[in-house]
Protein backbone atom coordinates (compact mmCIF):
# COMPACT_ATOMS: atom_id res chain seq x y z
CA MET A 1 -190.64 75.49 102.62
CA ALA A 2 -191.37 74.16 99.05
CA THR A 3 -194.95 74.25 97.79
CA VAL A 4 -196.67 70.81 97.11
CA ILE A 5 -198.28 71.04 93.56
CA PRO A 6 -201.66 69.25 94.08
CA ALA A 7 -202.09 65.98 91.89
CA ARG A 8 -205.43 64.23 90.82
CA GLU A 9 -206.34 61.52 88.60
CA PHE A 10 -209.19 60.70 86.20
CA ALA A 11 -210.02 57.49 84.56
CA LEU A 12 -212.67 56.78 81.79
CA TYR A 13 -212.76 53.12 83.03
CA SER A 14 -211.94 51.05 86.23
CA LEU A 15 -210.12 47.77 86.01
CA GLY A 16 -211.72 46.08 88.82
CA GLY A 17 -213.47 42.60 89.39
CA PRO A 18 -213.12 39.89 86.71
CA GLY A 19 -212.13 42.37 84.00
CA PRO A 20 -212.43 45.96 83.05
CA VAL A 21 -215.80 47.50 83.36
CA ALA A 22 -216.98 50.82 82.76
CA ASP A 23 -216.99 52.97 86.08
CA GLY A 24 -220.12 55.22 84.97
CA ASN A 25 -217.96 57.91 83.51
CA CYS A 26 -218.50 56.81 79.89
CA ARG A 27 -221.59 55.25 78.12
CA LEU A 28 -219.12 53.29 75.58
CA PRO A 29 -218.52 49.77 76.80
CA PHE A 30 -214.91 49.21 77.36
CA SER A 31 -213.52 46.89 74.68
CA PRO A 32 -210.00 45.15 75.20
CA ALA A 33 -209.66 44.28 71.62
CA ARG A 34 -210.09 48.35 70.85
CA TYR A 35 -207.54 49.08 73.76
CA SER A 36 -205.21 46.51 72.25
CA ARG A 37 -205.33 48.07 68.90
CA TYR A 38 -205.01 51.37 70.08
CA LYS A 39 -201.61 50.34 71.91
CA TYR A 40 -200.01 49.00 68.47
CA GLY A 41 -200.78 52.01 66.56
CA SER A 42 -204.67 52.21 65.66
CA VAL A 43 -205.63 55.84 65.20
CA ALA A 44 -209.41 54.89 64.85
CA ALA A 45 -209.12 53.27 68.11
CA ALA A 46 -207.22 56.46 69.82
CA GLU A 47 -209.80 58.54 68.38
CA THR A 48 -212.55 56.60 69.87
CA PHE A 49 -211.06 56.69 73.40
CA ALA A 50 -210.19 60.19 73.09
CA ARG A 51 -213.63 61.31 72.37
CA ALA A 52 -215.00 59.26 75.37
CA LEU A 53 -212.29 60.60 77.60
CA GLY A 54 -212.70 64.23 76.41
CA ALA A 55 -216.58 64.03 76.80
CA ALA A 56 -216.36 62.53 80.37
CA PHE A 57 -213.72 64.84 81.43
CA CYS A 58 -215.28 68.25 80.31
CA GLU A 59 -218.53 66.90 81.98
CA ALA A 60 -216.81 66.14 85.39
CA HIS A 61 -214.07 68.69 85.60
CA PRO A 62 -215.39 71.80 83.76
CA GLU A 63 -213.42 73.86 86.28
CA LEU A 64 -210.16 72.56 84.72
CA THR A 65 -211.25 72.17 81.08
CA LEU A 66 -211.88 75.82 81.20
CA ALA A 67 -209.10 76.87 83.21
CA PRO A 68 -207.44 80.36 81.95
CA ARG A 69 -204.08 78.75 81.90
CA LEU A 70 -204.20 75.10 80.67
CA LEU A 71 -201.41 72.70 79.37
CA MET A 72 -201.22 69.16 77.99
CA ALA A 73 -198.55 66.66 77.99
CA SER A 74 -198.74 62.61 77.14
CA SER A 75 -196.46 59.88 78.40
CA PRO A 76 -192.83 60.83 78.13
CA TYR A 77 -190.70 59.59 74.89
CA ALA A 78 -187.17 60.20 73.39
CA HIS A 79 -187.85 60.13 69.79
CA VAL A 80 -190.39 57.60 69.04
CA PRO A 81 -193.65 58.81 70.50
CA ALA A 82 -195.54 56.56 73.08
CA ALA A 83 -199.20 55.36 72.27
CA ALA A 84 -200.32 57.97 74.74
CA THR A 85 -199.14 60.66 72.45
CA THR A 86 -201.48 59.74 69.70
CA LEU A 87 -204.38 59.65 72.48
CA ALA A 88 -203.42 63.14 73.60
CA ARG A 89 -203.13 64.64 70.11
CA ARG A 90 -206.85 63.39 69.51
CA LEU A 91 -207.92 64.44 72.87
CA GLN A 92 -206.68 67.99 72.38
CA PRO A 93 -209.39 69.21 69.81
CA VAL A 94 -211.94 67.95 71.87
CA LEU A 95 -211.04 70.13 74.65
CA ASN A 96 -209.97 72.96 72.55
CA ALA A 97 -213.54 72.91 71.22
CA ALA A 98 -215.23 73.18 74.57
CA ARG A 99 -212.55 75.99 75.47
CA ALA A 100 -213.41 77.92 72.06
CA ARG A 101 -217.26 77.79 73.00
CA ASN A 102 -216.07 79.92 76.02
CA GLY A 103 -213.80 82.27 74.24
CA LEU A 104 -210.59 80.66 75.69
CA ALA A 105 -207.34 79.96 74.20
CA PRO A 106 -206.56 76.43 72.74
CA VAL A 107 -204.57 74.32 75.13
CA PRO A 108 -201.01 73.61 73.86
CA LEU A 109 -199.55 69.94 73.72
CA LEU A 110 -196.13 70.01 75.08
CA ARG A 111 -193.48 67.03 75.32
CA VAL A 112 -191.67 65.83 78.31
CA ASP A 113 -188.52 64.18 77.22
CA ARG A 114 -187.47 60.61 78.29
CA ILE A 115 -183.47 60.90 78.53
CA SER A 116 -182.79 57.27 77.98
CA THR A 117 -184.66 54.32 76.19
CA SER A 118 -184.83 50.73 77.51
CA ALA A 119 -185.11 47.29 76.16
CA GLY A 120 -188.09 45.05 77.31
CA ASP A 121 -191.79 45.33 78.03
CA TYR A 122 -193.05 47.58 80.94
CA GLY A 123 -196.44 45.74 80.91
CA THR A 124 -194.81 42.58 81.85
CA LEU A 125 -192.99 43.94 85.01
CA SER A 126 -194.14 43.31 88.62
CA ALA A 127 -195.09 45.99 90.99
CA GLN A 128 -191.65 46.15 92.54
CA ALA A 129 -189.89 46.08 89.37
CA ARG A 130 -192.03 48.83 87.95
CA ASP A 131 -190.58 51.11 90.95
CA LEU A 132 -187.10 50.28 90.43
CA HIS A 133 -187.36 50.94 86.75
CA MET A 134 -189.16 54.20 87.47
CA ALA A 135 -186.60 55.10 90.22
CA ALA A 136 -183.80 55.10 87.68
CA ASN A 137 -185.92 56.97 84.87
CA ALA A 138 -184.64 60.49 83.73
CA LEU A 139 -187.25 62.95 82.37
CA SER A 140 -186.87 66.41 81.11
CA PHE A 141 -189.31 69.18 81.12
CA ARG A 142 -186.99 71.41 79.42
CA ARG A 143 -189.49 71.93 76.59
CA PHE A 144 -191.75 73.98 79.16
CA ARG A 145 -190.99 77.70 79.17
CA PRO A 146 -191.14 79.30 82.78
CA ALA A 147 -193.54 81.98 81.70
CA GLN A 148 -195.92 79.24 80.18
CA VAL A 149 -195.71 76.94 83.07
CA ARG A 150 -196.37 79.46 86.05
CA GLY A 151 -199.78 79.29 87.70
CA ALA A 152 -200.91 76.73 85.01
CA HIS A 153 -202.97 73.46 85.36
CA LEU A 154 -201.17 70.44 83.60
CA LEU A 155 -203.06 67.54 82.19
CA VAL A 156 -200.82 64.41 81.76
CA VAL A 157 -202.31 61.99 79.28
CA ASP A 158 -201.46 58.38 79.57
CA ASP A 159 -203.44 54.93 78.88
CA VAL A 160 -203.40 53.00 81.94
CA ARG A 161 -202.65 53.27 85.66
CA VAL A 162 -201.83 50.05 87.29
CA THR A 163 -199.56 50.43 90.25
CA GLY A 164 -198.93 54.23 89.94
CA ALA A 165 -194.96 54.09 89.66
CA HIS A 166 -194.86 55.73 86.29
CA GLN A 167 -197.25 58.52 87.58
CA ARG A 168 -195.03 59.07 90.57
CA CYS A 169 -191.71 59.13 88.39
CA LEU A 170 -193.86 61.96 86.67
CA MET A 171 -194.67 63.85 89.96
CA ARG A 172 -191.18 63.69 91.16
CA ALA A 173 -189.81 65.22 87.90
CA SER A 174 -192.35 68.07 87.71
CA GLU A 175 -192.28 68.89 91.40
CA ASP A 176 -190.16 71.92 90.94
CA LEU A 177 -192.04 73.30 88.32
CA PRO A 178 -194.33 76.49 89.14
CA LEU A 179 -197.62 74.70 88.25
CA ALA A 180 -200.89 75.42 90.06
CA ALA A 181 -201.95 71.63 89.66
CA ARG A 182 -201.39 68.25 87.96
CA MET A 183 -204.12 66.07 86.51
CA PHE A 184 -203.48 62.68 85.15
CA LEU A 185 -205.88 61.37 82.57
CA TYR A 186 -206.19 57.81 81.76
CA ILE A 187 -208.27 55.47 79.71
CA ALA A 188 -208.47 52.92 82.50
CA ALA A 189 -207.07 52.71 86.14
CA VAL A 190 -206.81 49.96 88.63
CA PRO A 191 -208.69 51.04 91.99
CA ARG A 192 -206.06 51.68 94.74
CA GLN A 193 -207.86 49.25 97.02
CA LEU A 194 -207.27 46.70 94.42
CA ASN A 195 -203.49 47.34 93.87
CA GLY A 196 -202.28 44.71 96.34
CA ARG A 197 -204.46 41.95 94.81
CA PHE A 198 -203.95 43.09 91.12
CA ASP A 199 -201.27 41.43 89.02
CA PRO A 200 -199.65 44.02 87.15
CA ALA A 201 -198.54 41.62 84.30
CA GLN A 202 -202.36 41.43 83.48
CA GLU A 203 -201.71 44.65 81.59
CA ASP A 204 -199.66 42.49 79.25
CA THR A 205 -202.78 40.34 78.68
CA LEU A 206 -204.85 43.39 77.86
CA ASN A 207 -202.26 44.80 75.54
CA HIS A 208 -202.31 41.84 73.40
CA ALA A 209 -205.97 41.28 73.69
CA ALA A 210 -206.31 41.78 69.61
CA VAL A 211 -202.69 41.96 68.68
CA LYS A 212 -200.72 38.79 69.38
CA THR A 213 -198.75 38.32 66.26
CA LEU A 214 -196.96 40.43 63.41
CA ASP A 215 -199.90 39.52 61.13
CA ASP A 216 -202.55 41.04 63.73
CA LEU A 217 -200.23 44.23 63.44
CA ALA A 218 -200.05 44.01 59.58
CA GLY A 219 -203.78 44.33 59.58
CA ILE A 220 -203.68 47.81 61.33
CA VAL A 221 -201.00 48.92 58.97
CA ALA A 222 -202.83 47.62 55.83
CA ALA A 223 -205.98 49.42 56.87
CA GLY A 224 -204.24 52.80 56.61
CA ASP A 225 -205.11 53.30 60.24
CA PHE A 226 -201.82 53.55 61.90
CA ALA A 227 -199.45 55.82 63.85
CA TRP A 228 -196.01 54.77 65.05
CA ASN A 229 -195.36 54.24 68.77
CA VAL A 230 -192.81 52.74 70.89
CA ARG A 231 -194.53 49.46 71.60
CA VAL A 232 -195.03 48.95 67.65
CA CYS A 233 -190.98 49.02 67.29
CA LYS A 234 -190.22 46.93 70.20
CA PHE A 235 -192.75 44.39 69.40
CA THR A 236 -191.73 44.16 65.60
CA LEU A 237 -188.11 43.86 66.69
CA SER A 238 -188.40 41.51 69.45
CA PRO A 239 -186.71 38.21 69.53
CA ALA A 240 -190.03 36.51 69.77
CA ASN A 241 -191.02 37.52 66.31
CA HIS A 242 -187.69 37.28 64.79
CA GLY A 243 -188.52 34.07 62.91
CA GLU A 244 -191.41 35.54 61.31
CA LEU A 245 -190.00 39.01 60.67
CA PRO A 246 -188.51 38.45 57.14
CA ARG A 247 -192.15 37.34 55.82
CA PHE A 248 -193.58 40.17 57.64
CA LEU A 249 -191.17 42.82 56.39
CA ARG A 250 -191.51 41.49 52.41
CA ARG A 251 -195.38 42.34 52.69
CA MET A 252 -195.08 45.89 54.20
CA PRO A 253 -194.86 48.93 52.27
CA ASP A 254 -191.52 51.11 51.52
CA TRP A 255 -192.54 53.62 54.01
CA PHE A 256 -193.12 51.16 56.83
CA ILE A 257 -189.64 49.60 56.36
CA ARG A 258 -187.83 53.01 56.14
CA ASP A 259 -189.78 54.29 59.34
CA LEU A 260 -189.00 51.16 61.36
CA HIS A 261 -185.33 51.22 60.27
CA ARG A 262 -184.96 55.03 61.26
CA ASN A 263 -186.89 54.86 64.44
CA SER A 264 -184.84 51.81 65.40
CA CYS A 265 -181.70 53.80 65.16
CA ARG A 266 -182.98 57.11 66.57
CA ASP A 267 -184.12 55.39 69.76
CA GLY A 268 -181.10 53.04 70.07
CA TYR A 269 -182.61 49.64 69.51
CA ALA A 270 -180.41 48.81 66.57
CA ARG A 271 -177.66 48.48 69.17
CA MET A 272 -179.43 46.74 72.05
CA ALA A 273 -178.62 43.28 72.22
CA PRO A 274 -182.59 41.95 72.22
CA TYR A 275 -183.10 43.95 69.23
CA ALA A 276 -179.90 44.31 67.00
CA PRO A 277 -180.50 40.93 64.97
CA SER A 278 -183.87 41.95 63.95
CA HIS A 279 -182.67 45.20 62.94
CA ALA A 280 -180.29 43.70 60.85
CA LEU A 281 -183.10 42.14 59.09
CA VAL A 282 -184.79 45.40 58.77
CA ARG A 283 -181.58 46.88 57.11
CA ALA A 284 -181.18 43.82 54.64
CA GLU A 285 -184.96 44.35 53.59
CA LEU A 286 -184.27 48.17 52.94
CA SER A 287 -181.01 47.47 51.10
CA ALA A 288 -182.95 44.88 48.94
CA ARG A 289 -185.47 47.47 47.88
CA ALA A 290 -182.81 50.11 47.58
CA GLY A 291 -180.84 48.00 45.26
CA ARG A 292 -177.62 48.72 47.17
CA PRO A 293 -176.04 47.75 50.55
CA LEU A 294 -177.02 50.24 53.52
CA ALA A 295 -174.55 51.08 56.24
CA ALA A 296 -175.42 50.58 59.74
CA CYS A 297 -177.39 53.72 61.45
CA PRO A 298 -175.62 56.90 60.58
CA PRO A 299 -174.37 59.01 63.61
CA ALA A 300 -176.93 61.51 62.85
CA LEU A 301 -179.62 58.78 63.95
CA TRP A 302 -177.89 57.86 66.88
CA PRO A 303 -179.56 58.33 70.15
CA ALA A 304 -178.17 61.36 72.17
CA CYS A 305 -178.58 59.14 75.37
CA ARG A 306 -177.48 55.76 76.42
CA ALA A 307 -180.01 53.12 76.19
CA ARG A 308 -180.69 50.96 79.25
CA PRO A 309 -182.42 47.59 79.93
CA LEU A 310 -185.43 47.57 82.15
CA ARG A 311 -184.64 46.91 85.91
CA ARG A 312 -186.26 44.13 87.51
CA ALA A 313 -186.84 43.31 91.22
CA PRO A 314 -184.32 40.86 92.69
CA GLY A 315 -185.55 37.38 92.09
CA ALA A 316 -188.00 38.38 89.39
CA GLY A 317 -188.16 36.53 86.11
CA HIS A 318 -187.09 37.69 82.81
CA PRO A 319 -190.15 38.93 80.96
CA PRO A 320 -190.17 38.77 77.23
CA PRO A 321 -189.31 42.03 75.43
């Protein structure tokens, strides 16, 4: 019989009652605005959450923090990282400092590959639609070497657990790895007893607590406090922001335009119907700055996998991208 790999969770905050509240693991009050800025690329916000999460986790689970064989991974991605990747990168030195004090080797941060990208915003989906989407989600642990994985404890870093669909997807994808155990680390989680009464789409409200417009995003970029992630790409290219996009692009620095164009090509958004018109505006702005017309995405930047739309539950409404 196959061995069942144990899986546990640890969250810094509990999303219960009328709004997000700290659950006793952290002395830092939960800030929806800080969380929203984190989701839209603020490195300072990610740093704040990472330090608090790391300190609470080290205190609550020293047996894992100081495990002889420990691995880390963030939420999977194709080419453009998830917001949780920035969180994991800032959490890594917190854990490594604790390990160094005890003479242990640093914990490596490995990447779980998402095989296909998708249009739409996961945060707007219902519980049933999330399960449908994740059931068709293909992940790969090909970067995890067998000798590295055997008997190791894996920490998977993500930002929020609402229905648990994403966590179950990762558990299915990793069930054949020779791991000792898995621990899922979150900034916040909805208590399981509330899952049936908590509207998953409230995650979308939380995501946009501080970033509702392209001008809000521009403030994060202008502050020099920014790291690209998938959410930023989709938000910038979304049909809802198409009308304001030309003005936004004109005020953005060259590196931002180049990165947006490259990221759109690499994750396949340039060829997805919801995002293609906005990608054309990005290419036009880049061409104007280069002083010459630019071709469509070069084949070298095409995604190696097929992009697909988010799957929704039968009868579910069509959420905005």
